[in-house]
Amino acid sequence: MANSISDETIEYVGILAKLELSREEKEQARRDMGRMLDYIDKLNELDVTGVEPLSHIFPINNVFREDVEKDSSDREQMLKNAPEQRDGAYVVPITIE
Protein backbone atom coordinates (compact mmCIF):
# COMPACT_ATOMS: atom_id res chain seq x y z
CA MET A 1 0.00 0.00 0.00
CA ALA A 2 3.00 2.31 0.48
CA ASN A 3 3.30 2.71 -3.29
CA SER A 4 -0.19 4.22 -3.51
CA ILE A 5 0.92 7.61 -2.11
CA SER A 6 0.96 10.00 -5.02
CA ASP A 7 2.63 13.38 -5.44
CA GLU A 8 -0.83 14.95 -5.29
CA THR A 9 -1.47 13.32 -1.92
CA ILE A 10 1.78 14.67 -0.51
CA GLU A 11 0.99 18.15 -1.89
CA TYR A 12 -2.54 18.01 -0.46
CA VAL A 13 -1.34 16.97 3.00
CA GLY A 14 1.22 19.77 2.88
CA ILE A 15 -1.51 22.28 2.03
CA LEU A 16 -3.73 20.99 4.84
CA ALA A 17 -0.83 21.24 7.29
CA LYS A 18 0.08 24.68 5.88
CA LEU A 19 3.63 23.48 5.19
CA GLU A 20 5.96 24.30 2.35
CA LEU A 21 7.95 21.13 1.84
CA SER A 22 11.18 20.83 -0.11
CA ARG A 23 11.66 17.95 -2.55
CA GLU A 24 13.66 16.02 0.09
CA GLU A 25 11.00 16.64 2.75
CA LYS A 26 8.29 15.42 0.37
CA GLU A 27 10.22 12.22 -0.26
CA GLN A 28 10.73 11.72 3.48
CA ALA A 29 7.02 12.33 4.08
CA ARG A 30 6.19 9.78 1.36
CA ARG A 31 8.45 7.19 3.04
CA ASP A 32 7.01 7.94 6.49
CA MET A 33 3.42 7.69 5.26
CA GLY A 34 4.29 4.49 3.42
CA ARG A 35 5.67 2.95 6.62
CA MET A 36 2.51 3.99 8.47
CA LEU A 37 0.29 2.41 5.83
CA ASP A 38 2.40 -0.75 5.81
CA TYR A 39 1.99 -0.99 9.58
CA ILE A 40 -1.78 -0.58 9.25
CA ASP A 41 -1.79 -3.36 6.66
CA LYS A 42 0.11 -5.56 9.10
CA LEU A 43 -2.41 -4.76 11.86
CA ASN A 44 -5.25 -5.67 9.49
CA GLU A 45 -3.79 -9.18 9.24
CA LEU A 46 -4.52 -9.83 12.95
CA ASP A 47 -7.43 -12.05 13.89
CA VAL A 48 -9.60 -9.98 16.22
CA THR A 49 -12.57 -12.31 16.21
CA GLY A 50 -14.26 -12.13 19.60
CA VAL A 51 -12.29 -9.08 20.75
CA GLU A 52 -14.56 -6.30 21.95
CA PRO A 53 -13.75 -2.75 20.82
CA LEU A 54 -12.27 -0.50 23.50
CA SER A 55 -12.48 3.21 24.05
CA HIS A 56 -9.75 3.02 26.70
CA ILE A 57 -7.25 0.37 27.63
CA PHE A 58 -7.97 0.64 31.37
CA PRO A 59 -11.32 -0.42 32.88
CA ILE A 60 -12.43 3.12 33.75
CA ASN A 61 -16.11 3.96 33.55
CA ASN A 62 -16.75 7.50 34.76
CA VAL A 63 -14.12 9.33 36.76
CA PHE A 64 -16.03 12.60 36.88
CA ARG A 65 -17.80 13.93 39.95
CA GLU A 66 -21.56 13.96 40.16
CA ASP A 67 -23.18 16.92 38.47
CA VAL A 68 -24.82 18.76 41.37
CA GLU A 69 -26.66 22.00 40.84
CA LYS A 70 -25.65 24.75 43.25
CA ASP A 71 -25.33 28.50 43.42
CA SER A 72 -21.73 29.09 42.51
CA SER A 73 -21.64 32.83 42.03
CA ASP A 74 -22.89 35.85 43.86
CA ARG A 75 -24.11 38.51 41.42
CA GLU A 76 -23.06 41.39 43.68
CA GLN A 77 -19.59 39.89 44.11
CA MET A 78 -19.21 39.40 40.34
CA LEU A 79 -20.33 42.92 39.50
CA LYS A 80 -18.12 44.52 42.16
CA ASN A 81 -15.12 44.71 39.79
CA ALA A 82 -17.10 45.71 36.70
CA PRO A 83 -16.02 49.08 35.26
CA GLU A 84 -19.68 49.90 34.65
CA GLN A 85 -22.93 48.17 35.55
CA ARG A 86 -26.63 48.87 35.24
CA ASP A 87 -29.62 46.94 36.61
CA GLY A 88 -27.46 44.04 37.81
CA ALA A 89 -25.67 43.53 34.49
CA TYR A 90 -22.40 44.55 32.86
CA VAL A 91 -22.46 47.56 30.57
CA VAL A 92 -20.35 46.96 27.48
CA PRO A 93 -19.73 49.00 24.33
CA ILE A 94 -22.13 48.48 21.43
CA THR A 95 -20.52 46.26 18.81
CA ILE A 96 -23.37 45.99 16.26
CA GLU A 97 -25.66 48.81 15.27
PDB file of N, CA and C in Angstrom:
ATOM      1  N   MET A   1       0.821  -1.197   0.000  1.00  0.00           N
ATOM      2  CA  MET A   1       0.000   0.000   0.000  1.00  0.00           C
ATOM      3  C   MET A   1       0.861   1.256   0.000  1.00  0.00           C
ATOM      4  N   ALA A   2       2.122   1.146   0.407  1.00  0.00           N
ATOM      5  CA  ALA A   2       3.002   2.306   0.483  1.00  0.00           C
ATOM      6  C   ALA A   2       3.201   2.951  -0.882  1.00  0.00           C
ATOM      7  N   ASN A   3       3.092   2.174  -1.953  1.00  0.00           N
ATOM      8  CA  ASN A   3       3.301   2.713  -3.293  1.00  0.00           C
ATOM      9  C   ASN A   3       2.110   3.528  -3.779  1.00  0.00           C
ATOM     10  N   SER A   4       1.011   3.521  -3.046  1.00  0.00           N
ATOM     11  CA  SER A   4      -0.191   4.223  -3.505  1.00  0.00           C
ATOM     12  C   SER A   4      -0.199   5.695  -3.118  1.00  0.00           C
ATOM     13  N   ILE A   5       0.864   6.197  -2.495  1.00  0.00           N
ATOM     14  CA  ILE A   5       0.920   7.606  -2.108  1.00  0.00           C
ATOM     15  C   ILE A   5       1.450   8.401  -3.288  1.00  0.00           C
ATOM     16  N   SER A   6       0.587   9.233  -3.830  1.00  0.00           N
ATOM     17  CA  SER A   6       0.956  10.003  -5.024  1.00  0.00           C
ATOM     18  C   SER A   6       1.545  11.361  -4.646  1.00  0.00           C
ATOM     19  N   ASP A   7       2.129  12.021  -5.643  1.00  0.00           N
ATOM     20  CA  ASP A   7       2.635  13.381  -5.443  1.00  0.00           C
ATOM     21  C   ASP A   7       1.506  14.314  -5.035  1.00  0.00           C
ATOM     22  N   GLU A   8       0.322  14.102  -5.609  1.00  0.00           N
ATOM     23  CA  GLU A   8      -0.829  14.950  -5.289  1.00  0.00           C
ATOM     24  C   GLU A   8      -1.227  14.793  -3.824  1.00  0.00           C
ATOM     25  N   THR A   9      -1.134  13.568  -3.322  1.00  0.00           N
ATOM     26  CA  THR A   9      -1.475  13.321  -1.918  1.00  0.00           C
ATOM     27  C   THR A   9      -0.508  14.058  -1.003  1.00  0.00           C
ATOM     28  N   ILE A  10       0.771  13.986  -1.313  1.00  0.00           N
ATOM     29  CA  ILE A  10       1.775  14.673  -0.511  1.00  0.00           C
ATOM     30  C   ILE A  10       1.539  16.189  -0.565  1.00  0.00           C
ATOM     31  N   GLU A  11       1.272  16.708  -1.744  1.00  0.00           N
ATOM     32  CA  GLU A  11       0.990  18.148  -1.890  1.00  0.00           C
ATOM     33  C   GLU A  11      -0.237  18.538  -1.075  1.00  0.00           C
ATOM     34  N   TYR A  12      -1.290  17.722  -1.158  1.00  0.00           N
ATOM     35  CA  TYR A  12      -2.540  18.012  -0.460  1.00  0.00           C
ATOM     36  C   TYR A  12      -2.343  18.011   1.055  1.00  0.00           C
ATOM     37  N   VAL A  13      -1.615  17.025   1.556  1.00  0.00           N
ATOM     38  CA  VAL A  13      -1.337  16.967   2.996  1.00  0.00           C
ATOM     39  C   VAL A  13      -0.515  18.183   3.419  1.00  0.00           C
ATOM     40  N   GLY A  14       0.430  18.577   2.586  1.00  0.00           N
ATOM     41  CA  GLY A  14       1.221  19.774   2.876  1.00  0.00           C
ATOM     42  C   GLY A  14       0.362  21.022   2.939  1.00  0.00           C
ATOM     43  N   ILE A  15      -0.595  21.128   2.026  1.00  0.00           N
ATOM     44  CA  ILE A  15      -1.509  22.277   2.030  1.00  0.00           C
ATOM     45  C   ILE A  15      -2.367  22.262   3.291  1.00  0.00           C
ATOM     46  N   LEU A  16      -2.902  21.088   3.640  1.00  0.00           N
ATOM     47  CA  LEU A  16      -3.733  20.988   4.839  1.00  0.00           C
ATOM     48  C   LEU A  16      -2.943  21.356   6.094  1.00  0.00           C
ATOM     49  N   ALA A  17      -1.672  20.959   6.136  1.00  0.00           N
ATOM     50  CA  ALA A  17      -0.830  21.241   7.295  1.00  0.00           C
ATOM     51  C   ALA A  17      -0.204  22.626   7.215  1.00  0.00           C
ATOM     52  N   LYS A  18      -0.487  23.341   6.121  1.00  0.00           N
ATOM     53  CA  LYS A  18       0.083  24.677   5.882  1.00  0.00           C
ATOM     54  C   LYS A  18       1.618  24.638   5.955  1.00  0.00           C
ATOM     55  N   LEU A  19       2.189  23.656   5.244  1.00  0.00           N
ATOM     56  CA  LEU A  19       3.633  23.481   5.194  1.00  0.00           C
ATOM     57  C   LEU A  19       4.133  23.642   3.766  1.00  0.00           C
ATOM     58  N   GLU A  20       5.281  24.266   3.633  1.00  0.00           N
ATOM     59  CA  GLU A  20       5.964  24.301   2.346  1.00  0.00           C
ATOM     60  C   GLU A  20       7.106  23.299   2.450  1.00  0.00           C
ATOM     61  N   LEU A  21       6.968  22.201   1.742  1.00  0.00           N
ATOM     62  CA  LEU A  21       7.952  21.127   1.840  1.00  0.00           C
ATOM     63  C   LEU A  21       8.918  21.172   0.664  1.00  0.00           C
ATOM     64  N   SER A  22      10.191  20.952   0.965  1.00  0.00           N
ATOM     65  CA  SER A  22      11.180  20.830  -0.109  1.00  0.00           C
ATOM     66  C   SER A  22      11.025  19.454  -0.749  1.00  0.00           C
ATOM     67  N   ARG A  23      11.738  19.232  -1.850  1.00  0.00           N
ATOM     68  CA  ARG A  23      11.658  17.950  -2.548  1.00  0.00           C
ATOM     69  C   ARG A  23      12.100  16.816  -1.611  1.00  0.00           C
ATOM     70  N   GLU A  24      13.174  17.040  -0.832  1.00  0.00           N
ATOM     71  CA  GLU A  24      13.662  16.020   0.092  1.00  0.00           C
ATOM     72  C   GLU A  24      12.634  15.746   1.200  1.00  0.00           C
ATOM     73  N   GLU A  25      12.007  16.809   1.704  1.00  0.00           N
ATOM     74  CA  GLU A  25      11.000  16.638   2.755  1.00  0.00           C
ATOM     75  C   GLU A  25       9.774  15.893   2.228  1.00  0.00           C
ATOM     76  N   LYS A  26       9.418  16.140   0.973  1.00  0.00           N
ATOM     77  CA  LYS A  26       8.290  15.419   0.373  1.00  0.00           C
ATOM     78  C   LYS A  26       8.601  13.930   0.252  1.00  0.00           C
ATOM     79  N   GLU A  27       9.826  13.622  -0.147  1.00  0.00           N
ATOM     80  CA  GLU A  27      10.219  12.219  -0.256  1.00  0.00           C
ATOM     81  C   GLU A  27      10.242  11.553   1.117  1.00  0.00           C
ATOM     82  N   GLN A  28      10.728  12.263   2.125  1.00  0.00           N
ATOM     83  CA  GLN A  28      10.735  11.719   3.483  1.00  0.00           C
ATOM     84  C   GLN A  28       9.309  11.506   3.975  1.00  0.00           C
ATOM     85  N   ALA A  29       8.420  12.462   3.685  1.00  0.00           N
ATOM     86  CA  ALA A  29       7.020  12.325   4.081  1.00  0.00           C
ATOM     87  C   ALA A  29       6.391  11.129   3.387  1.00  0.00           C
ATOM     88  N   ARG A  30       6.715  10.923   2.104  1.00  0.00           N
ATOM     89  CA  ARG A  30       6.193   9.776   1.360  1.00  0.00           C
ATOM     90  C   ARG A  30       6.653   8.469   2.013  1.00  0.00           C
ATOM     91  N   ARG A  31       7.943   8.395   2.384  1.00  0.00           N
ATOM     92  CA  ARG A  31       8.453   7.185   3.036  1.00  0.00           C
ATOM     93  C   ARG A  31       7.782   6.970   4.396  1.00  0.00           C
ATOM     94  N   ASP A  32       7.638   8.050   5.172  1.00  0.00           N
ATOM     95  CA  ASP A  32       7.012   7.935   6.489  1.00  0.00           C
ATOM     96  C   ASP A  32       5.556   7.478   6.372  1.00  0.00           C
ATOM     97  N   MET A  33       4.824   8.079   5.458  1.00  0.00           N
ATOM     98  CA  MET A  33       3.424   7.687   5.258  1.00  0.00           C
ATOM     99  C   MET A  33       3.340   6.245   4.764  1.00  0.00           C
ATOM    100  N   GLY A  34       4.264   5.865   3.908  1.00  0.00           N
ATOM    101  CA  GLY A  34       4.287   4.488   3.424  1.00  0.00           C
ATOM    102  C   GLY A  34       4.508   3.502   4.555  1.00  0.00           C
ATOM    103  N   ARG A  35       5.436   3.834   5.474  1.00  0.00           N
ATOM    104  CA  ARG A  35       5.671   2.953   6.619  1.00  0.00           C
ATOM    105  C   ARG A  35       4.433   2.877   7.507  1.00  0.00           C
ATOM    106  N   MET A  36       3.739   4.006   7.670  1.00  0.00           N
ATOM    107  CA  MET A  36       2.515   3.987   8.473  1.00  0.00           C
ATOM    108  C   MET A  36       1.455   3.092   7.830  1.00  0.00           C
ATOM    109  N   LEU A  37       1.283   3.226   6.526  1.00  0.00           N
ATOM    110  CA  LEU A  37       0.289   2.409   5.833  1.00  0.00           C
ATOM    111  C   LEU A  37       0.659   0.936   5.849  1.00  0.00           C
ATOM    112  N   ASP A  38       1.947   0.644   5.721  1.00  0.00           N
ATOM    113  CA  ASP A  38       2.397  -0.753   5.810  1.00  0.00           C
ATOM    114  C   ASP A  38       2.090  -1.325   7.186  1.00  0.00           C
ATOM    115  N   TYR A  39       2.277  -0.534   8.226  1.00  0.00           N
ATOM    116  CA  TYR A  39       1.988  -0.993   9.578  1.00  0.00           C
ATOM    117  C   TYR A  39       0.489  -1.247   9.744  1.00  0.00           C
ATOM    118  N   ILE A  40      -0.327  -0.371   9.186  1.00  0.00           N
ATOM    119  CA  ILE A  40      -1.779  -0.576   9.252  1.00  0.00           C
ATOM    120  C   ILE A  40      -2.161  -1.861   8.524  1.00  0.00           C
ATOM    121  N   ASP A  41      -1.541  -2.104   7.372  1.00  0.00           N
ATOM    122  CA  ASP A  41      -1.792  -3.363   6.656  1.00  0.00           C
ATOM    123  C   ASP A  41      -1.424  -4.561   7.521  1.00  0.00           C
ATOM    124  N   LYS A  42      -0.312  -4.458   8.228  1.00  0.00           N
ATOM    125  CA  LYS A  42       0.112  -5.559   9.096  1.00  0.00           C
ATOM    126  C   LYS A  42      -0.893  -5.747  10.222  1.00  0.00           C
ATOM    127  N   LEU A  43      -1.403  -4.651  10.804  1.00  0.00           N
ATOM    128  CA  LEU A  43      -2.407  -4.764  11.859  1.00  0.00           C
ATOM    129  C   LEU A  43      -3.699  -5.381  11.334  1.00  0.00           C
ATOM    130  N   ASN A  44      -4.025  -5.106  10.074  1.00  0.00           N
ATOM    131  CA  ASN A  44      -5.246  -5.672   9.485  1.00  0.00           C
ATOM    132  C   ASN A  44      -5.158  -7.184   9.306  1.00  0.00           C
ATOM    133  N   GLU A  45      -3.956  -7.745   9.360  1.00  0.00           N
ATOM    134  CA  GLU A  45      -3.787  -9.184   9.242  1.00  0.00           C
ATOM    135  C   GLU A  45      -4.144  -9.920  10.542  1.00  0.00           C
ATOM    136  N   LEU A  46      -4.238  -9.196  11.658  1.00  0.00           N
ATOM    137  CA  LEU A  46      -4.520  -9.830  12.949  1.00  0.00           C
ATOM    138  C   LEU A  46      -5.945 -10.353  13.006  1.00  0.00           C
ATOM    139  N   ASP A  47      -6.098 -11.488  13.669  1.00  0.00           N
ATOM    140  CA  ASP A  47      -7.426 -12.054  13.885  1.00  0.00           C
ATOM    141  C   ASP A  47      -7.984 -11.471  15.179  1.00  0.00           C
ATOM    142  N   VAL A  48      -8.997 -10.626  15.050  1.00  0.00           N
ATOM    143  CA  VAL A  48      -9.599  -9.978  16.217  1.00  0.00           C
ATOM    144  C   VAL A  48     -11.005 -10.504  16.472  1.00  0.00           C
ATOM    145  N   THR A  49     -11.268 -11.694  15.999  1.00  0.00           N
ATOM    146  CA  THR A  49     -12.573 -12.309  16.213  1.00  0.00           C
ATOM    147  C   THR A  49     -12.803 -12.477  17.713  1.00  0.00           C
ATOM    148  N   GLY A  50     -13.915 -11.999  18.197  1.00  0.00           N
ATOM    149  CA  GLY A  50     -14.258 -12.128  19.603  1.00  0.00           C
ATOM    150  C   GLY A  50     -13.642 -11.078  20.501  1.00  0.00           C
ATOM    151  N   VAL A  51     -12.893 -10.147  19.950  1.00  0.00           N
ATOM    152  CA  VAL A  51     -12.294  -9.082  20.751  1.00  0.00           C
ATOM    153  C   VAL A  51     -13.228  -7.876  20.708  1.00  0.00           C
ATOM    154  N   GLU A  52     -13.649  -7.434  21.892  1.00  0.00           N
ATOM    155  CA  GLU A  52     -14.564  -6.300  21.945  1.00  0.00           C
ATOM    156  C   GLU A  52     -13.799  -4.997  21.731  1.00  0.00           C
ATOM    157  N   PRO A  53     -14.400  -4.052  21.013  1.00  0.00           N
ATOM    158  CA  PRO A  53     -13.751  -2.754  20.821  1.00  0.00           C
ATOM    159  C   PRO A  53     -13.607  -2.018  22.153  1.00  0.00           C
ATOM    160  N   LEU A  54     -12.535  -1.259  22.279  1.00  0.00           N
ATOM    161  CA  LEU A  54     -12.272  -0.504  23.499  1.00  0.00           C
ATOM    162  C   LEU A  54     -12.242   0.987  23.203  1.00  0.00           C
ATOM    163  N   SER A  55     -12.673   1.768  24.161  1.00  0.00           N
ATOM    164  CA  SER A  55     -12.478   3.212  24.052  1.00  0.00           C
ATOM    165  C   SER A  55     -11.285   3.622  24.894  1.00  0.00           C
ATOM    166  N   HIS A  56     -10.893   2.753  25.846  1.00  0.00           N
ATOM    167  CA  HIS A  56      -9.750   3.022  26.701  1.00  0.00           C
ATOM    168  C   HIS A  56      -9.178   1.690  27.147  1.00  0.00           C
ATOM    169  N   ILE A  57      -7.878   1.632  27.283  1.00  0.00           N
ATOM    170  CA  ILE A  57      -7.246   0.374  27.632  1.00  0.00           C
ATOM    171  C   ILE A  57      -7.507  -0.033  29.075  1.00  0.00           C
ATOM    172  N   PHE A  58      -7.719   0.935  29.961  1.00  0.00           N
ATOM    173  CA  PHE A  58      -7.973   0.641  31.368  1.00  0.00           C
ATOM    174  C   PHE A  58      -9.475   0.553  31.625  1.00  0.00           C
ATOM    175  N   PRO A  59      -9.890  -0.273  32.592  1.00  0.00           N
ATOM    176  CA  PRO A  59     -11.325  -0.415  32.877  1.00  0.00           C
ATOM    177  C   PRO A  59     -11.869   0.758  33.697  1.00  0.00           C
ATOM    178  N   ILE A  60     -11.936   1.921  33.085  1.00  0.00           N
ATOM    179  CA  ILE A  60     -12.431   3.124  33.754  1.00  0.00           C
ATOM    180  C   ILE A  60     -13.794   3.463  33.169  1.00  0.00           C
ATOM    181  N   ASN A  61     -14.786   3.614  34.030  1.00  0.00           N
ATOM    182  CA  ASN A  61     -16.114   3.959  33.546  1.00  0.00           C
ATOM    183  C   ASN A  61     -16.314   5.466  33.521  1.00  0.00           C
ATOM    184  N   ASN A  62     -16.529   6.060  34.678  1.00  0.00           N
ATOM    185  CA  ASN A  62     -16.746   7.496  34.758  1.00  0.00           C
ATOM    186  C   ASN A  62     -15.961   8.012  35.950  1.00  0.00           C
ATOM    187  N   VAL A  63     -14.954   8.810  35.686  1.00  0.00           N
ATOM    188  CA  VAL A  63     -14.116   9.327  36.762  1.00  0.00           C
ATOM    189  C   VAL A  63     -14.515  10.745  37.153  1.00  0.00           C
ATOM    190  N   PHE A  64     -15.603  11.240  36.585  1.00  0.00           N
ATOM    191  CA  PHE A  64     -16.029  12.599  36.880  1.00  0.00           C
ATOM    192  C   PHE A  64     -16.910  12.627  38.123  1.00  0.00           C
ATOM    193  N   ARG A  65     -16.949  13.771  38.769  1.00  0.00           N
ATOM    194  CA  ARG A  65     -17.801  13.933  39.946  1.00  0.00           C
ATOM    195  C   ARG A  65     -19.253  14.010  39.509  1.00  0.00           C
ATOM    196  N   GLU A  66     -20.141  13.826  40.446  1.00  0.00           N
ATOM    197  CA  GLU A  66     -21.561  13.957  40.162  1.00  0.00           C
ATOM    198  C   GLU A  66     -21.871  15.407  39.798  1.00  0.00           C
ATOM    199  N   ASP A  67     -22.773  15.587  38.884  1.00  0.00           N
ATOM    200  CA  ASP A  67     -23.182  16.920  38.475  1.00  0.00           C
ATOM    201  C   ASP A  67     -24.277  17.396  39.426  1.00  0.00           C
ATOM    202  N   VAL A  68     -23.892  18.265  40.352  1.00  0.00           N
ATOM    203  CA  VAL A  68     -24.816  18.756  41.371  1.00  0.00           C
ATOM    204  C   VAL A  68     -25.057  20.235  41.132  1.00  0.00           C
ATOM    205  N   GLU A  69     -26.314  20.611  41.051  1.00  0.00           N
ATOM    206  CA  GLU A  69     -26.662  22.005  40.837  1.00  0.00           C
ATOM    207  C   GLU A  69     -26.504  22.765  42.144  1.00  0.00           C
ATOM    208  N   LYS A  70     -25.816  23.918  42.062  1.00  0.00           N
ATOM    209  CA  LYS A  70     -25.648  24.749  43.247  1.00  0.00           C
ATOM    210  C   LYS A  70     -25.376  26.174  42.809  1.00  0.00           C
ATOM    211  N   ASP A  71     -25.646  27.096  43.697  1.00  0.00           N
ATOM    212  CA  ASP A  71     -25.325  28.501  43.424  1.00  0.00           C
ATOM    213  C   ASP A  71     -23.829  28.668  43.563  1.00  0.00           C
ATOM    214  N   SER A  72     -23.179  29.004  42.473  1.00  0.00           N
ATOM    215  CA  SER A  72     -21.728  29.089  42.510  1.00  0.00           C
ATOM    216  C   SER A  72     -21.220  30.520  42.393  1.00  0.00           C
ATOM    217  N   SER A  73     -22.112  31.464  42.167  1.00  0.00           N
ATOM    218  CA  SER A  73     -21.643  32.828  42.027  1.00  0.00           C
ATOM    219  C   SER A  73     -22.645  33.788  42.663  1.00  0.00           C
ATOM    220  N   ASP A  74     -22.100  34.798  43.255  1.00  0.00           N
ATOM    221  CA  ASP A  74     -22.892  35.850  43.863  1.00  0.00           C
ATOM    222  C   ASP A  74     -22.872  37.040  42.906  1.00  0.00           C
ATOM    223  N   ARG A  75     -24.021  37.444  42.414  1.00  0.00           N
ATOM    224  CA  ARG A  75     -24.106  38.510  41.417  1.00  0.00           C
ATOM    225  C   ARG A  75     -23.423  39.790  41.903  1.00  0.00           C
ATOM    226  N   GLU A  76     -23.668  40.170  43.144  1.00  0.00           N
ATOM    227  CA  GLU A  76     -23.056  41.390  43.676  1.00  0.00           C
ATOM    228  C   GLU A  76     -21.540  41.277  43.695  1.00  0.00           C
ATOM    229  N   GLN A  77     -21.039  40.105  44.075  1.00  0.00           N
ATOM    230  CA  GLN A  77     -19.590  39.890  44.115  1.00  0.00           C
ATOM    231  C   GLN A  77     -18.992  39.953  42.710  1.00  0.00           C
ATOM    232  N   MET A  78     -19.699  39.377  41.723  1.00  0.00           N
ATOM    233  CA  MET A  78     -19.205  39.395  40.342  1.00  0.00           C
ATOM    234  C   MET A  78     -19.192  40.807  39.778  1.00  0.00           C
ATOM    235  N   LEU A  79     -20.215  41.577  40.073  1.00  0.00           N
ATOM    236  CA  LEU A  79     -20.325  42.923  39.500  1.00  0.00           C
ATOM    237  C   LEU A  79     -19.461  43.946  40.230  1.00  0.00           C
ATOM    238  N   LYS A  80     -18.894  43.578  41.367  1.00  0.00           N
ATOM    239  CA  LYS A  80     -18.120  44.520  42.159  1.00  0.00           C
ATOM    240  C   LYS A  80     -16.931  45.076  41.378  1.00  0.00           C
ATOM    241  N   ASN A  81     -16.294  44.275  40.544  1.00  0.00           N
ATOM    242  CA  ASN A  81     -15.118  44.712  39.789  1.00  0.00           C
ATOM    243  C   ASN A  81     -15.442  45.211  38.386  1.00  0.00           C
ATOM    244  N   ALA A  82     -16.720  45.257  38.034  1.00  0.00           N
ATOM    245  CA  ALA A  82     -17.097  45.709  36.697  1.00  0.00           C
ATOM    246  C   ALA A  82     -16.829  47.205  36.567  1.00  0.00           C
ATOM    247  N   PRO A  83     -16.256  47.647  35.443  1.00  0.00           N
ATOM    248  CA  PRO A  83     -16.018  49.076  35.263  1.00  0.00           C
ATOM    249  C   PRO A  83     -17.334  49.868  35.237  1.00  0.00           C
ATOM    250  N   GLU A  84     -18.376  49.228  34.701  1.00  0.00           N
ATOM    251  CA  GLU A  84     -19.680  49.895  34.649  1.00  0.00           C
ATOM    252  C   GLU A  84     -20.766  48.833  34.695  1.00  0.00           C
ATOM    253  N   GLN A  85     -21.822  49.105  35.452  1.00  0.00           N
ATOM    254  CA  GLN A  85     -22.933  48.168  35.551  1.00  0.00           C
ATOM    255  C   GLN A  85     -24.237  48.940  35.615  1.00  0.00           C
ATOM    256  N   ARG A  86     -25.299  48.260  35.192  1.00  0.00           N
ATOM    257  CA  ARG A  86     -26.629  48.870  35.239  1.00  0.00           C
ATOM    258  C   ARG A  86     -27.649  47.757  35.416  1.00  0.00           C
ATOM    259  N   ASP A  87     -28.537  47.900  36.346  1.00  0.00           N
ATOM    260  CA  ASP A  87     -29.616  46.941  36.610  1.00  0.00           C
ATOM    261  C   ASP A  87     -29.103  45.511  36.811  1.00  0.00           C
ATOM    262  N   GLY A  88     -27.993  45.369  37.513  1.00  0.00           N
ATOM    263  CA  GLY A  88     -27.464  44.040  37.815  1.00  0.00           C
ATOM    264  C   GLY A  88     -26.787  43.357  36.668  1.00  0.00           C
ATOM    265  N   ALA A  89     -26.346  44.112  35.651  1.00  0.00           N
ATOM    266  CA  ALA A  89     -25.673  43.530  34.489  1.00  0.00           C
ATOM    267  C   ALA A  89     -24.488  44.395  34.108  1.00  0.00           C
ATOM    268  N   TYR A  90     -23.561  43.796  33.367  1.00  0.00           N
ATOM    269  CA  TYR A  90     -22.403  44.547  32.863  1.00  0.00           C
ATOM    270  C   TYR A  90     -22.851  45.484  31.749  1.00  0.00           C
ATOM    271  N   VAL A  91     -22.241  46.652  31.688  1.00  0.00           N
ATOM    272  CA  VAL A  91     -22.461  47.562  30.567  1.00  0.00           C
ATOM    273  C   VAL A  91     -21.219  47.460  29.680  1.00  0.00           C
ATOM    274  N   VAL A  92     -21.451  47.107  28.416  1.00  0.00           N
ATOM    275  CA  VAL A  92     -20.348  46.955  27.476  1.00  0.00           C
ATOM    276  C   VAL A  92     -20.594  47.836  26.265  1.00  0.00           C
ATOM    277  N   PRO A  93     -19.540  48.172  25.526  1.00  0.00           N
ATOM    278  CA  PRO A  93     -19.730  49.003  24.328  1.00  0.00           C
ATOM    279  C   PRO A  93     -20.580  48.278  23.284  1.00  0.00           C
ATOM    280  N   ILE A  94     -21.322  49.031  22.514  1.00  0.00           N
ATOM    281  CA  ILE A  94     -22.134  48.478  21.430  1.00  0.00           C
ATOM    282  C   ILE A  94     -21.192  48.010  20.331  1.00  0.00           C
ATOM    283  N   THR A  95     -21.380  46.790  19.855  1.00  0.00           N
ATOM    284  CA  THR A  95     -20.519  46.256  18.807  1.00  0.00           C
ATOM    285  C   THR A  95     -21.253  46.152  17.468  1.00  0.00           C
ATOM    286  N   ILE A  96     -22.570  46.074  17.491  1.00  0.00           N
ATOM    287  CA  ILE A  96     -23.367  45.992  16.263  1.00  0.00           C
ATOM    288  C   ILE A  96     -24.462  47.043  16.350  1.00  0.00           C
ATOM    289  N   GLU A  97     -24.591  47.795  15.283  1.00  0.00           N
ATOM    290  CA  GLU A  97     -25.657  48.811  15.269  1.00  0.00           C
ATOM    291  C   GLU A  97     -26.732  48.438  14.290  1.00  0.00           C
TER     292      GLU A  97
END
